[in-house]
Amino acid sequence: MALGGALAGSLLGPIRRMDRAVQRVGTGNLDVQLPVTSQDEFGRLSGTFNTMVRGLRERERMRAYVSETVLEAVRDDAGSRTVEGEFLEASILFSDIRGFTSLSEQHPPKEIFAMLNAFMSEVEPIIRCNDGRVDKFIGDAVMAVFHAGTQHHAIRAVLTAVSMMRFLEDFNASRAERGLFTIRIGIGVNTGRVMLGDVGSATRKDLTVIGDEVNLASRLETASKKGRHTRIVLSESTFNAVSELVEAEEMPFTEVTGKQQPVRMFELVRLRPVSETRPA
């Protein structure tokens, strides 16, 4: 009996430790590690468990370096997703920090990266709150895509742009209080048909949107430098989709790099109060 009890205890102890460890991982704690004290089955199982958790930690860290679109594409339940190329209607938002080259020359890299990370860390939740996805960060710029959602993607993109500008005011006020340099941004929003698919080599791919409509969104952001109000510039297609909800001013110039025909663009002046909007 005594021998049987000791044997049972030697088996139940490792099993209970592993059960507790699995439960902690299930709650999101990835700092769990089991001791490997033997070369028997429990020792090998503990080593395998530790390797699995280490892989989960690496995957979690990887989330910070790839877009949400890419993460969704590699999930197990997304195996049937088409990434070879497809069309979709979407709104594209481009934002860029004004005079970034000069800022980089005037301030050390540590201060520049601290500012960028602080700014982008708050911009991404604003985009996600409006059912948008960050497609990529391009140095001091951010590109976001809006398509699926309960509200029209153009409306959500414009609301995101306004929220970003409001956040910028608070961001700059906080930095000024601490004696830090402030920044200015411009935003361009375009709505249209884009292509979604994998771009890259066999060893490294990026699931992204491309096409003329994406390029135009970037050009609109550049045109925002000449804005007189919010410096949020909308394409004609975006403006038409949100015209009942915004007050905007058509910009006097229509030449856009890469476009042979004139392009109408509108600078957002303000969002209309609910009392001014027509019932749907």
Protein backbone atom coordinates (compact mmCIF):
# COMPACT_ATOMS: atom_id res chain seq x y z
CA MET A 1 0.00 0.00 0.00
CA ALA A 2 2.77 2.42 0.96
CA LEU A 3 4.59 1.66 -2.27
CA GLY A 4 1.42 2.18 -4.27
CA GLY A 5 0.74 5.51 -2.58
CA ALA A 6 4.26 6.73 -3.25
CA LEU A 7 3.98 5.67 -6.88
CA ALA A 8 0.67 7.44 -7.27
CA GLY A 9 2.11 10.57 -5.71
CA SER A 10 5.08 10.56 -8.06
CA LEU A 11 2.68 10.40 -11.00
CA LEU A 12 0.02 12.84 -9.79
CA GLY A 13 2.50 15.58 -8.86
CA PRO A 14 3.83 16.20 -12.40
CA ILE A 15 0.34 15.78 -13.88
CA ARG A 16 -1.07 18.43 -11.55
CA ARG A 17 1.80 20.82 -12.31
CA MET A 18 1.21 20.39 -16.02
CA ASP A 19 -2.54 20.85 -15.62
CA ARG A 20 -2.01 24.15 -13.77
CA ALA A 21 0.50 25.28 -16.40
CA VAL A 22 -1.91 24.53 -19.25
CA GLN A 23 -4.66 26.47 -17.49
CA ARG A 24 -2.38 29.49 -17.07
CA VAL A 25 -1.47 29.41 -20.77
CA GLY A 26 -5.18 29.20 -21.54
CA THR A 27 -5.70 32.51 -19.71
CA GLY A 28 -3.00 34.19 -21.82
CA ASN A 29 -0.03 33.83 -19.48
CA LEU A 30 2.88 32.90 -21.75
CA ASP A 31 5.57 33.21 -19.07
CA VAL A 32 4.85 29.69 -17.83
CA GLN A 33 7.71 27.17 -17.78
CA LEU A 34 7.75 23.65 -16.40
CA PRO A 35 10.85 22.28 -14.67
CA VAL A 36 12.56 19.44 -16.51
CA THR A 37 13.95 17.28 -13.71
CA SER A 38 14.13 13.87 -15.38
CA GLN A 39 14.61 12.12 -18.68
CA ASP A 40 11.47 10.01 -18.42
CA GLU A 41 8.14 10.60 -20.17
CA PHE A 42 7.22 13.49 -17.85
CA GLY A 43 10.57 15.17 -18.45
CA ARG A 44 10.21 14.91 -22.22
CA LEU A 45 6.59 16.09 -22.03
CA SER A 46 7.64 19.09 -19.91
CA GLY A 47 10.34 19.96 -22.45
CA THR A 48 7.84 19.74 -25.30
CA PHE A 49 5.41 21.96 -23.36
CA ASN A 50 8.13 24.58 -22.80
CA THR A 51 9.01 24.55 -26.50
CA MET A 52 5.35 25.06 -27.40
CA VAL A 53 4.96 28.02 -25.03
CA ARG A 54 8.19 29.56 -26.34
CA GLY A 55 6.74 29.33 -29.86
CA LEU A 56 3.55 31.04 -28.69
CA ARG A 57 5.61 33.86 -27.16
CA GLU A 58 7.49 34.32 -30.44
CA ARG A 59 4.23 34.37 -32.38
CA GLU A 60 2.80 36.96 -30.00
CA ARG A 61 5.85 39.18 -30.47
CA MET A 62 5.54 38.72 -34.23
CA ARG A 63 2.05 40.26 -34.12
CA ALA A 64 3.67 43.67 -33.63
CA TYR A 65 5.56 43.36 -36.92
CA VAL A 66 2.85 42.25 -39.34
CA SER A 67 -0.51 43.68 -40.32
CA GLU A 68 -3.81 42.31 -39.06
CA THR A 69 -4.62 41.27 -42.63
CA VAL A 70 -1.57 39.01 -42.72
CA LEU A 71 -2.38 37.52 -39.31
CA GLU A 72 -5.90 36.72 -40.46
CA ALA A 73 -4.59 35.09 -43.63
CA VAL A 74 -2.36 32.65 -41.73
CA ARG A 75 -4.92 31.58 -39.14
CA ASP A 76 -5.91 27.93 -39.32
CA ASP A 77 -9.54 28.78 -40.08
CA ALA A 78 -8.57 31.02 -43.01
CA GLY A 79 -7.22 28.27 -45.24
CA SER A 80 -9.86 28.86 -47.86
CA ARG A 81 -9.18 32.59 -48.07
CA THR A 82 -8.23 33.83 -51.55
CA VAL A 83 -4.91 35.67 -51.39
CA GLU A 84 -3.81 35.14 -54.99
CA GLY A 85 -5.71 38.28 -55.97
CA GLU A 86 -9.23 39.65 -55.70
CA PHE A 87 -11.11 42.92 -56.14
CA LEU A 88 -12.95 44.66 -53.35
CA GLU A 89 -14.58 48.03 -52.74
CA ALA A 90 -12.75 49.87 -50.00
CA SER A 91 -11.70 53.23 -48.63
CA ILE A 92 -8.00 53.88 -48.20
CA LEU A 93 -6.60 56.34 -45.66
CA PHE A 94 -3.07 57.71 -45.88
CA SER A 95 -1.54 59.84 -43.14
CA ASP A 96 1.92 61.38 -43.06
CA ILE A 97 3.91 63.56 -40.66
CA ARG A 98 4.78 66.95 -42.12
CA GLY A 99 8.44 67.96 -42.35
CA PHE A 100 9.65 64.64 -41.04
CA THR A 101 13.03 64.92 -42.75
CA SER A 102 13.71 68.23 -40.99
CA LEU A 103 12.58 66.78 -37.66
CA SER A 104 14.96 63.86 -38.14
CA GLU A 105 17.82 66.27 -38.73
CA GLN A 106 16.98 68.38 -35.69
CA HIS A 107 16.43 65.63 -33.12
CA PRO A 108 18.35 62.47 -32.16
CA PRO A 109 17.04 59.05 -33.33
CA LYS A 110 15.93 58.07 -29.82
CA GLU A 111 13.57 61.07 -29.62
CA ILE A 112 12.26 60.51 -33.14
CA PHE A 113 11.43 56.85 -32.53
CA ALA A 114 9.91 57.63 -29.13
CA MET A 115 7.60 60.16 -30.79
CA LEU A 116 6.70 57.82 -33.66
CA ASN A 117 5.91 54.89 -31.37
CA ALA A 118 3.85 57.05 -29.00
CA PHE A 119 1.88 58.52 -31.91
CA MET A 120 1.33 55.28 -33.84
CA SER A 121 0.41 53.38 -30.67
CA GLU A 122 -2.65 55.62 -30.30
CA VAL A 123 -3.47 55.93 -33.99
CA GLU A 124 -3.86 52.18 -34.51
CA PRO A 125 -6.63 51.79 -31.88
CA ILE A 126 -8.48 54.73 -33.48
CA ILE A 127 -8.39 52.90 -36.80
CA ARG A 128 -9.51 49.60 -35.26
CA CYS A 129 -12.30 51.33 -33.35
CA ASN A 130 -13.79 52.27 -36.73
CA ASP A 131 -13.43 48.74 -38.13
CA GLY A 132 -10.38 49.65 -40.16
CA ARG A 133 -7.07 47.82 -40.45
CA VAL A 134 -3.56 49.16 -40.55
CA ASP A 135 -2.17 47.83 -43.81
CA LYS A 136 1.33 49.09 -43.13
CA PHE A 137 3.45 51.65 -41.36
CA ILE A 138 5.81 53.34 -43.83
CA GLY A 139 8.32 55.21 -41.70
CA ASP A 140 6.38 58.26 -40.52
CA ALA A 141 3.30 57.36 -42.58
CA VAL A 142 0.42 54.99 -41.98
CA MET A 143 -1.88 53.35 -44.53
CA ALA A 144 -5.23 51.98 -43.38
CA VAL A 145 -7.92 50.03 -45.22
CA PHE A 146 -11.67 50.10 -44.54
CA HIS A 147 -14.08 47.72 -46.23
CA ALA A 148 -16.26 45.21 -44.36
CA GLY A 149 -18.40 46.70 -41.60
CA THR A 150 -21.92 47.70 -40.56
CA GLN A 151 -21.40 51.32 -41.70
CA HIS A 152 -20.20 52.41 -45.15
CA HIS A 153 -16.42 52.21 -45.27
CA ALA A 154 -16.06 55.78 -46.55
CA ILE A 155 -17.90 57.12 -43.50
CA ARG A 156 -15.71 55.08 -41.16
CA ALA A 157 -12.55 56.26 -42.90
CA VAL A 158 -13.56 59.92 -42.61
CA LEU A 159 -14.54 59.51 -38.95
CA THR A 160 -11.14 57.95 -38.35
CA ALA A 161 -9.40 60.91 -40.00
CA VAL A 162 -11.30 63.37 -37.79
CA SER A 163 -10.53 61.34 -34.66
CA MET A 164 -6.84 61.24 -35.60
CA MET A 165 -6.74 65.04 -35.90
CA ARG A 166 -8.48 65.44 -32.55
CA PHE A 167 -6.03 63.05 -30.95
CA LEU A 168 -3.16 65.01 -32.51
CA GLU A 169 -4.27 68.14 -30.64
CA ASP A 170 -4.08 66.33 -27.30
CA PHE A 171 -0.86 64.60 -28.30
CA ASN A 172 0.84 67.90 -29.13
CA ALA A 173 -0.51 69.63 -26.03
CA SER A 174 0.94 66.88 -23.84
CA ARG A 175 4.31 67.04 -25.62
CA ALA A 176 4.47 70.83 -25.41
CA GLU A 177 3.85 70.70 -21.66
CA ARG A 178 6.89 68.43 -21.35
CA GLY A 179 9.06 70.61 -23.56
CA LEU A 180 9.04 68.17 -26.49
CA PHE A 181 8.70 69.05 -30.17
CA THR A 182 5.23 68.87 -31.72
CA ILE A 183 4.17 67.50 -35.11
CA ARG A 184 1.68 68.17 -37.90
CA ILE A 185 0.04 65.59 -40.14
CA GLY A 186 -1.96 65.47 -43.35
CA ILE A 187 -4.54 62.86 -44.34
CA GLY A 188 -5.91 61.70 -47.68
CA VAL A 189 -8.93 59.41 -48.12
CA ASN A 190 -10.06 57.75 -51.34
CA THR A 191 -12.84 55.27 -52.07
CA GLY A 192 -12.93 52.80 -54.92
CA ARG A 193 -12.08 49.39 -56.27
CA VAL A 194 -8.74 47.99 -55.14
CA MET A 195 -6.90 44.69 -55.51
CA LEU A 196 -6.16 42.54 -52.47
CA GLY A 197 -3.53 39.83 -52.63
CA ASP A 198 -0.09 38.52 -51.74
CA VAL A 199 2.90 40.59 -52.83
CA GLY A 200 6.43 39.29 -52.34
CA SER A 201 8.64 36.28 -52.82
CA ALA A 202 8.28 32.63 -51.88
CA THR A 203 10.02 33.28 -48.54
CA ARG A 204 8.39 36.58 -47.57
CA LYS A 205 4.96 37.85 -48.51
CA ASP A 206 2.79 40.81 -47.60
CA LEU A 207 -0.98 40.64 -47.94
CA THR A 208 -1.88 44.15 -49.05
CA VAL A 209 -4.08 46.28 -51.29
CA ILE A 210 -2.73 47.86 -54.46
CA GLY A 211 -4.05 49.75 -57.45
CA ASP A 212 -4.73 53.21 -58.80
CA GLU A 213 -7.19 54.04 -56.01
CA VAL A 214 -4.50 53.33 -53.40
CA ASN A 215 -2.06 55.59 -55.24
CA LEU A 216 -4.65 58.35 -55.40
CA ALA A 217 -5.18 58.22 -51.63
CA SER A 218 -1.45 58.81 -51.21
CA ARG A 219 -1.56 61.74 -53.66
CA LEU A 220 -4.48 63.29 -51.77
CA GLU A 221 -2.45 63.16 -48.58
CA THR A 222 0.30 65.08 -50.38
CA ALA A 223 -2.28 67.64 -51.58
CA SER A 224 -3.37 68.19 -47.97
CA LYS A 225 -0.27 70.38 -47.53
CA LYS A 226 -2.21 73.09 -49.38
CA GLY A 227 -5.28 72.73 -47.20
CA ARG A 228 -6.77 75.68 -45.31
CA HIS A 229 -8.93 73.90 -42.76
CA THR A 230 -8.46 70.40 -41.35
CA ARG A 231 -5.89 69.18 -43.89
CA ILE A 232 -8.07 66.12 -44.44
CA VAL A 233 -8.54 65.74 -48.20
CA LEU A 234 -11.22 63.53 -49.75
CA SER A 235 -11.53 62.25 -53.28
CA GLU A 236 -14.72 62.91 -55.21
CA SER A 237 -15.90 59.33 -54.65
CA THR A 238 -15.33 59.57 -50.90
CA PHE A 239 -17.01 62.97 -50.73
CA ASN A 240 -20.06 61.67 -52.61
CA ALA A 241 -20.38 58.83 -50.10
CA VAL A 242 -20.28 61.14 -47.06
CA SER A 243 -21.60 64.44 -48.43
CA GLU A 244 -24.70 64.41 -46.22
CA LEU A 245 -22.54 64.13 -43.12
CA VAL A 246 -19.76 66.63 -43.78
CA GLU A 247 -19.09 70.19 -44.81
CA ALA A 248 -16.25 70.33 -47.30
CA GLU A 249 -14.61 72.80 -49.65
CA GLU A 250 -13.56 71.87 -53.14
CA MET A 251 -9.88 72.59 -53.60
CA PRO A 252 -8.96 74.94 -56.47
CA PHE A 253 -6.24 72.77 -57.98
CA THR A 254 -6.85 69.44 -59.68
CA GLU A 255 -3.47 68.25 -60.96
CA VAL A 256 -2.28 65.02 -59.38
CA THR A 257 0.98 63.22 -60.14
CA GLY A 258 0.33 60.13 -62.26
CA LYS A 259 -3.08 61.35 -63.45
CA GLN A 260 -3.60 62.80 -66.92
CA GLN A 261 -7.13 63.98 -66.21
CA PRO A 262 -8.02 66.60 -63.58
CA VAL A 263 -8.95 65.16 -60.20
CA ARG A 264 -11.59 66.79 -58.02
CA MET A 265 -10.67 66.86 -54.36
CA PHE A 266 -12.39 68.24 -51.30
CA GLU A 267 -10.95 69.41 -48.00
CA LEU A 268 -13.06 68.47 -45.01
CA VAL A 269 -14.14 71.55 -43.07
CA ARG A 270 -16.18 69.88 -40.35
CA LEU A 271 -18.59 67.08 -39.55
CA ARG A 272 -22.19 68.26 -39.67
CA PRO A 273 -24.13 68.09 -36.39
CA VAL A 274 -26.87 65.46 -36.37
CA SER A 275 -29.48 68.24 -36.53
CA GLU A 276 -28.12 69.29 -39.94
CA THR A 277 -28.06 65.86 -41.52
CA ARG A 278 -30.95 64.49 -43.52
CA PRO A 279 -32.72 61.38 -42.24
CA ALA A 280 -31.67 58.23 -44.05
